[in-house]
Amino acid sequence: MDPGQRLIESLQRQDVLKSPLLLEAFRRIDRADFILSESKRECYNDNPLPILCGQTISQPYTVAFMLELLEMARGLKILDIGSGSGWTTALLACITAEGGSVTGVERHSELVNFGRRNLGRYPFGWAQIIPAGPELGLPGQLFDRILVSAAARTFPFRLTDQLNERGILVIPVGHSLWKVQKRGDRFVKETFFGFSFVPLIQ
């Protein structure tokens, strides 16, 4: 069996890869396109791998888990904070398709260029990776979904100002994953334990 397909089937058996849109994205977007050449032999292992600037490309199990929490659909406007290698940006772009938009932001200039090259392998004109500004996220804009792929020490409440109504934010806080959904003037939070990420630069 193809090793990429073996990984996908393993994630399905673990019940973290469930929705048809996410399954399609994992089949279409090859993780091998987003890693360093010296890690190619490990690209379909279910573990994080080093990339540049002391950062990692996340474990496939964790990525699938987080993207399922986002409750993805076609046509959404998405912010991908800490886009790194561009893998999550490409997965999100594949799911939201041409009617939506995906903006990846990254603080390390070397990773911005690396992610752009990797994302450029796919015909996703509605997706981009840009350098992060001085503030977290993109203040002044609103998004349907926000994904953060680095761990905050405390929850950054200012990110909720960038959510549309019914929007969903998924972010690691410490060693937990938080799913926060905006409902009017209040937020509904779910917490999932037992995860590890590189620290979020704020």
C-alpha atoms as a PDB file:
ATOM      1  CA  MET A   1       0.000   0.000   0.000  1.00  0.00           C
ATOM      2  CA  ASP A   2       1.116   3.546  -0.744  1.00  0.00           C
ATOM      3  CA  PRO A   3       2.604   5.030   2.474  1.00  0.00           C
ATOM      4  CA  GLY A   4       0.530   8.192   2.158  1.00  0.00           C
ATOM      5  CA  GLN A   5      -2.653   6.133   1.929  1.00  0.00           C
ATOM      6  CA  ARG A   6      -1.490   4.023   4.870  1.00  0.00           C
ATOM      7  CA  LEU A   7      -1.175   7.186   6.959  1.00  0.00           C
ATOM      8  CA  ILE A   8      -4.644   8.348   5.939  1.00  0.00           C
ATOM      9  CA  GLU A   9      -6.187   4.995   6.841  1.00  0.00           C
ATOM     10  CA  SER A  10      -4.412   5.049  10.206  1.00  0.00           C
ATOM     11  CA  LEU A  11      -5.886   8.493  10.955  1.00  0.00           C
ATOM     12  CA  GLN A  12      -9.320   7.236   9.961  1.00  0.00           C
ATOM     13  CA  ARG A  13      -9.011   4.243  12.294  1.00  0.00           C
ATOM     14  CA  GLN A  14      -8.060   6.634  15.110  1.00  0.00           C
ATOM     15  CA  ASP A  15     -11.248   8.587  14.345  1.00  0.00           C
ATOM     16  CA  VAL A  16      -9.488  11.928  13.802  1.00  0.00           C
ATOM     17  CA  LEU A  17      -9.947  12.083  10.025  1.00  0.00           C
ATOM     18  CA  LYS A  18     -13.700  11.948   9.491  1.00  0.00           C
ATOM     19  CA  SER A  19     -15.250  14.662   7.336  1.00  0.00           C
ATOM     20  CA  PRO A  20     -15.328  14.084   3.547  1.00  0.00           C
ATOM     21  CA  LEU A  21     -13.811  17.508   2.781  1.00  0.00           C
ATOM     22  CA  LEU A  22     -10.864  16.956   5.107  1.00  0.00           C
ATOM     23  CA  LEU A  23     -10.337  13.433   3.810  1.00  0.00           C
ATOM     24  CA  GLU A  24     -10.247  14.795   0.255  1.00  0.00           C
ATOM     25  CA  ALA A  25      -7.692  17.420   1.307  1.00  0.00           C
ATOM     26  CA  PHE A  26      -5.413  14.849   2.960  1.00  0.00           C
ATOM     27  CA  ARG A  27      -5.539  12.761  -0.204  1.00  0.00           C
ATOM     28  CA  ARG A  28      -4.835  15.700  -2.506  1.00  0.00           C
ATOM     29  CA  ILE A  29      -2.201  17.602  -0.503  1.00  0.00           C
ATOM     30  CA  ASP A  30       1.026  15.621  -0.211  1.00  0.00           C
ATOM     31  CA  ARG A  31       2.865  16.226   3.075  1.00  0.00           C
ATOM     32  CA  ALA A  32       6.100  15.395   1.214  1.00  0.00           C
ATOM     33  CA  ASP A  33       5.779  18.751  -0.581  1.00  0.00           C
ATOM     34  CA  PHE A  34       6.120  20.654   2.715  1.00  0.00           C
ATOM     35  CA  ILE A  35       9.166  19.186   4.419  1.00  0.00           C
ATOM     36  CA  LEU A  36      12.932  19.396   4.061  1.00  0.00           C
ATOM     37  CA  SER A  37      14.688  16.999   1.681  1.00  0.00           C
ATOM     38  CA  GLU A  38      16.506  15.261   4.543  1.00  0.00           C
ATOM     39  CA  SER A  39      13.144  14.283   6.086  1.00  0.00           C
ATOM     40  CA  LYS A  40      11.600  12.802   2.931  1.00  0.00           C
ATOM     41  CA  ARG A  41      11.902   9.223   4.178  1.00  0.00           C
ATOM     42  CA  GLU A  42       9.853  10.143   7.244  1.00  0.00           C
ATOM     43  CA  CYS A  43       7.229  12.301   5.560  1.00  0.00           C
ATOM     44  CA  TYR A  44       4.379   9.817   6.066  1.00  0.00           C
ATOM     45  CA  ASN A  45       5.230   8.967   9.661  1.00  0.00           C
ATOM     46  CA  ASP A  46       2.730  10.215  12.186  1.00  0.00           C
ATOM     47  CA  ASN A  47       5.077  12.542  14.031  1.00  0.00           C
ATOM     48  CA  PRO A  48       6.271  16.159  13.799  1.00  0.00           C
ATOM     49  CA  LEU A  49       9.359  16.870  11.689  1.00  0.00           C
ATOM     50  CA  PRO A  50      11.884  19.734  11.852  1.00  0.00           C
ATOM     51  CA  ILE A  51      11.694  22.398   9.172  1.00  0.00           C
ATOM     52  CA  LEU A  52      13.486  25.773   9.394  1.00  0.00           C
ATOM     53  CA  CYS A  53      14.122  28.359  12.134  1.00  0.00           C
ATOM     54  CA  GLY A  54      13.795  25.778  14.901  1.00  0.00           C
ATOM     55  CA  GLN A  55      10.169  25.112  13.938  1.00  0.00           C
ATOM     56  CA  THR A  56       8.355  21.898  13.022  1.00  0.00           C
ATOM     57  CA  ILE A  57       5.675  20.639  10.680  1.00  0.00           C
ATOM     58  CA  SER A  58       3.018  19.270  12.996  1.00  0.00           C
ATOM     59  CA  GLN A  59       2.107  15.631  13.516  1.00  0.00           C
ATOM     60  CA  PRO A  60      -0.596  14.533  11.016  1.00  0.00           C
ATOM     61  CA  TYR A  61      -2.798  13.264  13.869  1.00  0.00           C
ATOM     62  CA  THR A  62      -2.731  16.712  15.490  1.00  0.00           C
ATOM     63  CA  VAL A  63      -3.387  18.552  12.219  1.00  0.00           C
ATOM     64  CA  ALA A  64      -6.372  16.327  11.412  1.00  0.00           C
ATOM     65  CA  PHE A  65      -7.718  16.771  14.948  1.00  0.00           C
ATOM     66  CA  MET A  66      -7.443  20.568  14.777  1.00  0.00           C
ATOM     67  CA  LEU A  67      -8.957  20.867  11.317  1.00  0.00           C
ATOM     68  CA  GLU A  68     -11.912  18.693  12.315  1.00  0.00           C
ATOM     69  CA  LEU A  69     -12.505  21.043  15.271  1.00  0.00           C
ATOM     70  CA  LEU A  70     -12.724  23.952  12.816  1.00  0.00           C
ATOM     71  CA  GLU A  71     -15.883  22.431  11.246  1.00  0.00           C
ATOM     72  CA  MET A  72     -14.674  23.359   7.776  1.00  0.00           C
ATOM     73  CA  ALA A  73     -16.891  24.048   4.765  1.00  0.00           C
ATOM     74  CA  ARG A  74     -16.589  25.501   1.273  1.00  0.00           C
ATOM     75  CA  GLY A  75     -16.355  29.249   0.817  1.00  0.00           C
ATOM     76  CA  LEU A  76     -14.998  30.261   4.223  1.00  0.00           C
ATOM     77  CA  LYS A  77     -12.589  33.093   4.982  1.00  0.00           C
ATOM     78  CA  ILE A  78      -9.735  31.612   7.031  1.00  0.00           C
ATOM     79  CA  LEU A  79      -6.714  32.906   8.929  1.00  0.00           C
ATOM     80  CA  ASP A  80      -3.843  30.461   9.500  1.00  0.00           C
ATOM     81  CA  ILE A  81      -1.521  31.850  12.194  1.00  0.00           C
ATOM     82  CA  GLY A  82       1.927  30.271  12.261  1.00  0.00           C
ATOM     83  CA  SER A  83       1.679  28.839   8.759  1.00  0.00           C
ATOM     84  CA  GLY A  84       5.205  27.396   8.899  1.00  0.00           C
ATOM     85  CA  SER A  85       5.804  25.056   5.987  1.00  0.00           C
ATOM     86  CA  GLY A  86       2.477  25.987   4.367  1.00  0.00           C
ATOM     87  CA  TRP A  87       0.964  22.517   4.845  1.00  0.00           C
ATOM     88  CA  THR A  88      -2.026  23.631   6.902  1.00  0.00           C
ATOM     89  CA  THR A  89      -2.544  26.614   4.584  1.00  0.00           C
ATOM     90  CA  ALA A  90      -2.736  24.256   1.612  1.00  0.00           C
ATOM     91  CA  LEU A  91      -5.095  21.842   3.397  1.00  0.00           C
ATOM     92  CA  LEU A  92      -7.390  24.722   4.359  1.00  0.00           C
ATOM     93  CA  ALA A  93      -7.289  26.125   0.817  1.00  0.00           C
ATOM     94  CA  CYS A  94      -8.193  22.737  -0.627  1.00  0.00           C
ATOM     95  CA  ILE A  95     -11.217  22.526   1.666  1.00  0.00           C
ATOM     96  CA  THR A  96     -12.562  26.071   1.332  1.00  0.00           C
ATOM     97  CA  ALA A  97     -11.992  26.028  -2.454  1.00  0.00           C
ATOM     98  CA  GLU A  98     -12.118  28.960  -4.830  1.00  0.00           C
ATOM     99  CA  GLY A  99     -15.164  30.607  -3.239  1.00  0.00           C
ATOM    100  CA  GLY A 100     -13.245  31.189  -0.014  1.00  0.00           C
ATOM    101  CA  SER A 101      -9.890  32.608   1.001  1.00  0.00           C
ATOM    102  CA  VAL A 102      -6.999  31.525   3.197  1.00  0.00           C
ATOM    103  CA  THR A 103      -4.318  33.822   4.586  1.00  0.00           C
ATOM    104  CA  GLY A 104      -1.337  32.281   6.321  1.00  0.00           C
ATOM    105  CA  VAL A 105       0.772  34.548   8.520  1.00  0.00           C
ATOM    106  CA  GLU A 106       4.290  33.681   9.668  1.00  0.00           C
ATOM    107  CA  ARG A 107       6.847  35.605  11.780  1.00  0.00           C
ATOM    108  CA  HIS A 108      10.010  33.979  10.373  1.00  0.00           C
ATOM    109  CA  SER A 109      10.879  35.478   6.982  1.00  0.00           C
ATOM    110  CA  GLU A 110      12.723  32.314   5.916  1.00  0.00           C
ATOM    111  CA  LEU A 111       9.580  30.302   6.616  1.00  0.00           C
ATOM    112  CA  VAL A 112       7.419  32.797   4.729  1.00  0.00           C
ATOM    113  CA  ASN A 113       9.508  32.090   1.615  1.00  0.00           C
ATOM    114  CA  PHE A 114       9.603  28.338   2.297  1.00  0.00           C
ATOM    115  CA  GLY A 115       5.832  28.189   2.796  1.00  0.00           C
ATOM    116  CA  ARG A 116       5.164  30.251  -0.329  1.00  0.00           C
ATOM    117  CA  ARG A 117       7.305  27.936  -2.452  1.00  0.00           C
ATOM    118  CA  ASN A 118       5.539  24.880  -1.093  1.00  0.00           C
ATOM    119  CA  LEU A 119       2.042  26.346  -1.458  1.00  0.00           C
ATOM    120  CA  GLY A 120       2.938  27.378  -5.010  1.00  0.00           C
ATOM    121  CA  ARG A 121       2.989  23.720  -6.034  1.00  0.00           C
ATOM    122  CA  TYR A 122      -0.813  23.815  -5.910  1.00  0.00           C
ATOM    123  CA  PRO A 123      -3.251  25.929  -7.993  1.00  0.00           C
ATOM    124  CA  PHE A 124      -4.752  27.757  -5.026  1.00  0.00           C
ATOM    125  CA  GLY A 125      -4.952  31.368  -6.155  1.00  0.00           C
ATOM    126  CA  TRP A 126      -7.256  32.150  -3.198  1.00  0.00           C
ATOM    127  CA  ALA A 127      -4.532  31.292  -0.666  1.00  0.00           C
ATOM    128  CA  GLN A 128      -1.490  33.327   0.357  1.00  0.00           C
ATOM    129  CA  ILE A 129       1.233  33.442   3.008  1.00  0.00           C
ATOM    130  CA  ILE A 130       2.330  36.832   4.301  1.00  0.00           C
ATOM    131  CA  PRO A 131       4.729  38.090   6.982  1.00  0.00           C
ATOM    132  CA  ALA A 132       3.136  38.550  10.387  1.00  0.00           C
ATOM    133  CA  GLY A 133       2.675  42.122  11.549  1.00  0.00           C
ATOM    134  CA  PRO A 134       3.415  43.589  14.972  1.00  0.00           C
ATOM    135  CA  GLU A 135       0.046  42.422  16.354  1.00  0.00           C
ATOM    136  CA  LEU A 136      -1.293  38.884  16.567  1.00  0.00           C
ATOM    137  CA  GLY A 137      -3.422  37.909  13.582  1.00  0.00           C
ATOM    138  CA  LEU A 138      -4.756  40.555  11.217  1.00  0.00           C
ATOM    139  CA  PRO A 139      -6.536  43.189  13.340  1.00  0.00           C
ATOM    140  CA  GLY A 140      -9.307  45.017  11.511  1.00  0.00           C
ATOM    141  CA  GLN A 141     -10.325  41.966   9.496  1.00  0.00           C
ATOM    142  CA  LEU A 142     -12.950  39.322  10.304  1.00  0.00           C
ATOM    143  CA  PHE A 143     -12.639  35.599   9.606  1.00  0.00           C
ATOM    144  CA  ASP A 144     -14.968  32.618   9.686  1.00  0.00           C
ATOM    145  CA  ARG A 145     -12.214  30.377  11.018  1.00  0.00           C
ATOM    146  CA  ILE A 146      -8.884  31.032  12.723  1.00  0.00           C
ATOM    147  CA  LEU A 147      -6.281  28.301  13.195  1.00  0.00           C
ATOM    148  CA  VAL A 148      -3.233  28.863  15.414  1.00  0.00           C
ATOM    149  CA  SER A 149      -0.443  26.279  15.208  1.00  0.00           C
ATOM    150  CA  ALA A 150       1.737  27.412  18.115  1.00  0.00           C
ATOM    151  CA  ALA A 151       1.031  27.353  21.836  1.00  0.00           C
ATOM    152  CA  ALA A 152       0.056  30.527  23.687  1.00  0.00           C
ATOM    153  CA  ARG A 153       0.925  30.761  27.387  1.00  0.00           C
ATOM    154  CA  THR A 154      -2.454  32.361  28.056  1.00  0.00           C
ATOM    155  CA  PHE A 155      -5.487  32.741  25.815  1.00  0.00           C
ATOM    156  CA  PRO A 156      -5.101  35.802  23.522  1.00  0.00           C
ATOM    157  CA  PHE A 157      -8.574  37.323  23.847  1.00  0.00           C
ATOM    158  CA  ARG A 158      -7.826  39.932  21.169  1.00  0.00           C
ATOM    159  CA  LEU A 159      -8.058  37.194  18.531  1.00  0.00           C
ATOM    160  CA  THR A 160     -11.776  36.846  19.239  1.00  0.00           C
ATOM    161  CA  ASP A 161     -12.205  40.387  17.849  1.00  0.00           C
ATOM    162  CA  GLN A 162     -11.201  38.919  14.476  1.00  0.00           C
ATOM    163  CA  LEU A 163     -13.999  36.310  14.409  1.00  0.00           C
ATOM    164  CA  ASN A 164     -17.229  36.631  12.463  1.00  0.00           C
ATOM    165  CA  GLU A 165     -20.473  35.653  14.157  1.00  0.00           C
ATOM    166  CA  ARG A 166     -20.515  31.842  14.610  1.00  0.00           C
ATOM    167  CA  GLY A 167     -16.803  31.899  13.751  1.00  0.00           C
ATOM    168  CA  ILE A 168     -14.492  29.288  15.263  1.00  0.00           C
ATOM    169  CA  LEU A 169     -10.969  29.715  16.659  1.00  0.00           C
ATOM    170  CA  VAL A 170      -8.773  26.681  17.368  1.00  0.00           C
ATOM    171  CA  ILE A 171      -5.632  27.414  19.357  1.00  0.00           C
ATOM    172  CA  PRO A 172      -3.204  25.552  21.639  1.00  0.00           C
ATOM    173  CA  VAL A 173      -2.984  27.089  25.107  1.00  0.00           C
ATOM    174  CA  GLY A 174      -0.264  25.433  27.157  1.00  0.00           C
ATOM    175  CA  HIS A 175      -0.660  21.705  26.527  1.00  0.00           C
ATOM    176  CA  SER A 176      -4.348  21.920  25.652  1.00  0.00           C
ATOM    177  CA  LEU A 177      -6.295  22.690  22.503  1.00  0.00           C
ATOM    178  CA  TRP A 178      -9.066  25.256  22.817  1.00  0.00           C
ATOM    179  CA  LYS A 179     -12.005  25.457  20.430  1.00  0.00           C
ATOM    180  CA  VAL A 180     -13.753  28.808  20.848  1.00  0.00           C
ATOM    181  CA  GLN A 181     -16.934  29.690  18.947  1.00  0.00           C
ATOM    182  CA  LYS A 182     -18.412  33.188  18.823  1.00  0.00           C
ATOM    183  CA  ARG A 183     -22.129  33.381  19.576  1.00  0.00           C
ATOM    184  CA  GLY A 184     -23.345  36.939  19.785  1.00  0.00           C
ATOM    185  CA  ASP A 185     -21.657  38.676  22.696  1.00  0.00           C
ATOM    186  CA  ARG A 186     -20.462  35.432  24.287  1.00  0.00           C
ATOM    187  CA  PHE A 187     -18.084  32.597  23.454  1.00  0.00           C
ATOM    188  CA  VAL A 188     -18.443  28.851  23.866  1.00  0.00           C
ATOM    189  CA  LYS A 189     -15.209  27.024  24.733  1.00  0.00           C
ATOM    190  CA  GLU A 190     -14.239  23.360  24.544  1.00  0.00           C
ATOM    191  CA  THR A 191     -10.888  22.086  25.814  1.00  0.00           C
ATOM    192  CA  PHE A 192      -8.920  19.028  24.666  1.00  0.00           C
ATOM    193  CA  PHE A 193      -5.868  17.902  26.621  1.00  0.00           C
ATOM    194  CA  GLY A 194      -2.538  16.258  25.863  1.00  0.00           C
ATOM    195  CA  PHE A 195      -0.955  18.214  22.998  1.00  0.00           C
ATOM    196  CA  SER A 196       2.466  19.804  22.525  1.00  0.00           C
ATOM    197  CA  PHE A 197       3.401  22.698  20.216  1.00  0.00           C
ATOM    198  CA  VAL A 198       6.227  25.145  19.642  1.00  0.00           C
ATOM    199  CA  PRO A 199       5.587  28.415  21.534  1.00  0.00           C
ATOM    200  CA  LEU A 200       3.553  31.196  19.972  1.00  0.00           C
ATOM    201  CA  ILE A 201       5.505  34.423  19.453  1.00  0.00           C
ATOM    202  CA  GLN A 202       3.278  37.307  20.549  1.00  0.00           C
END
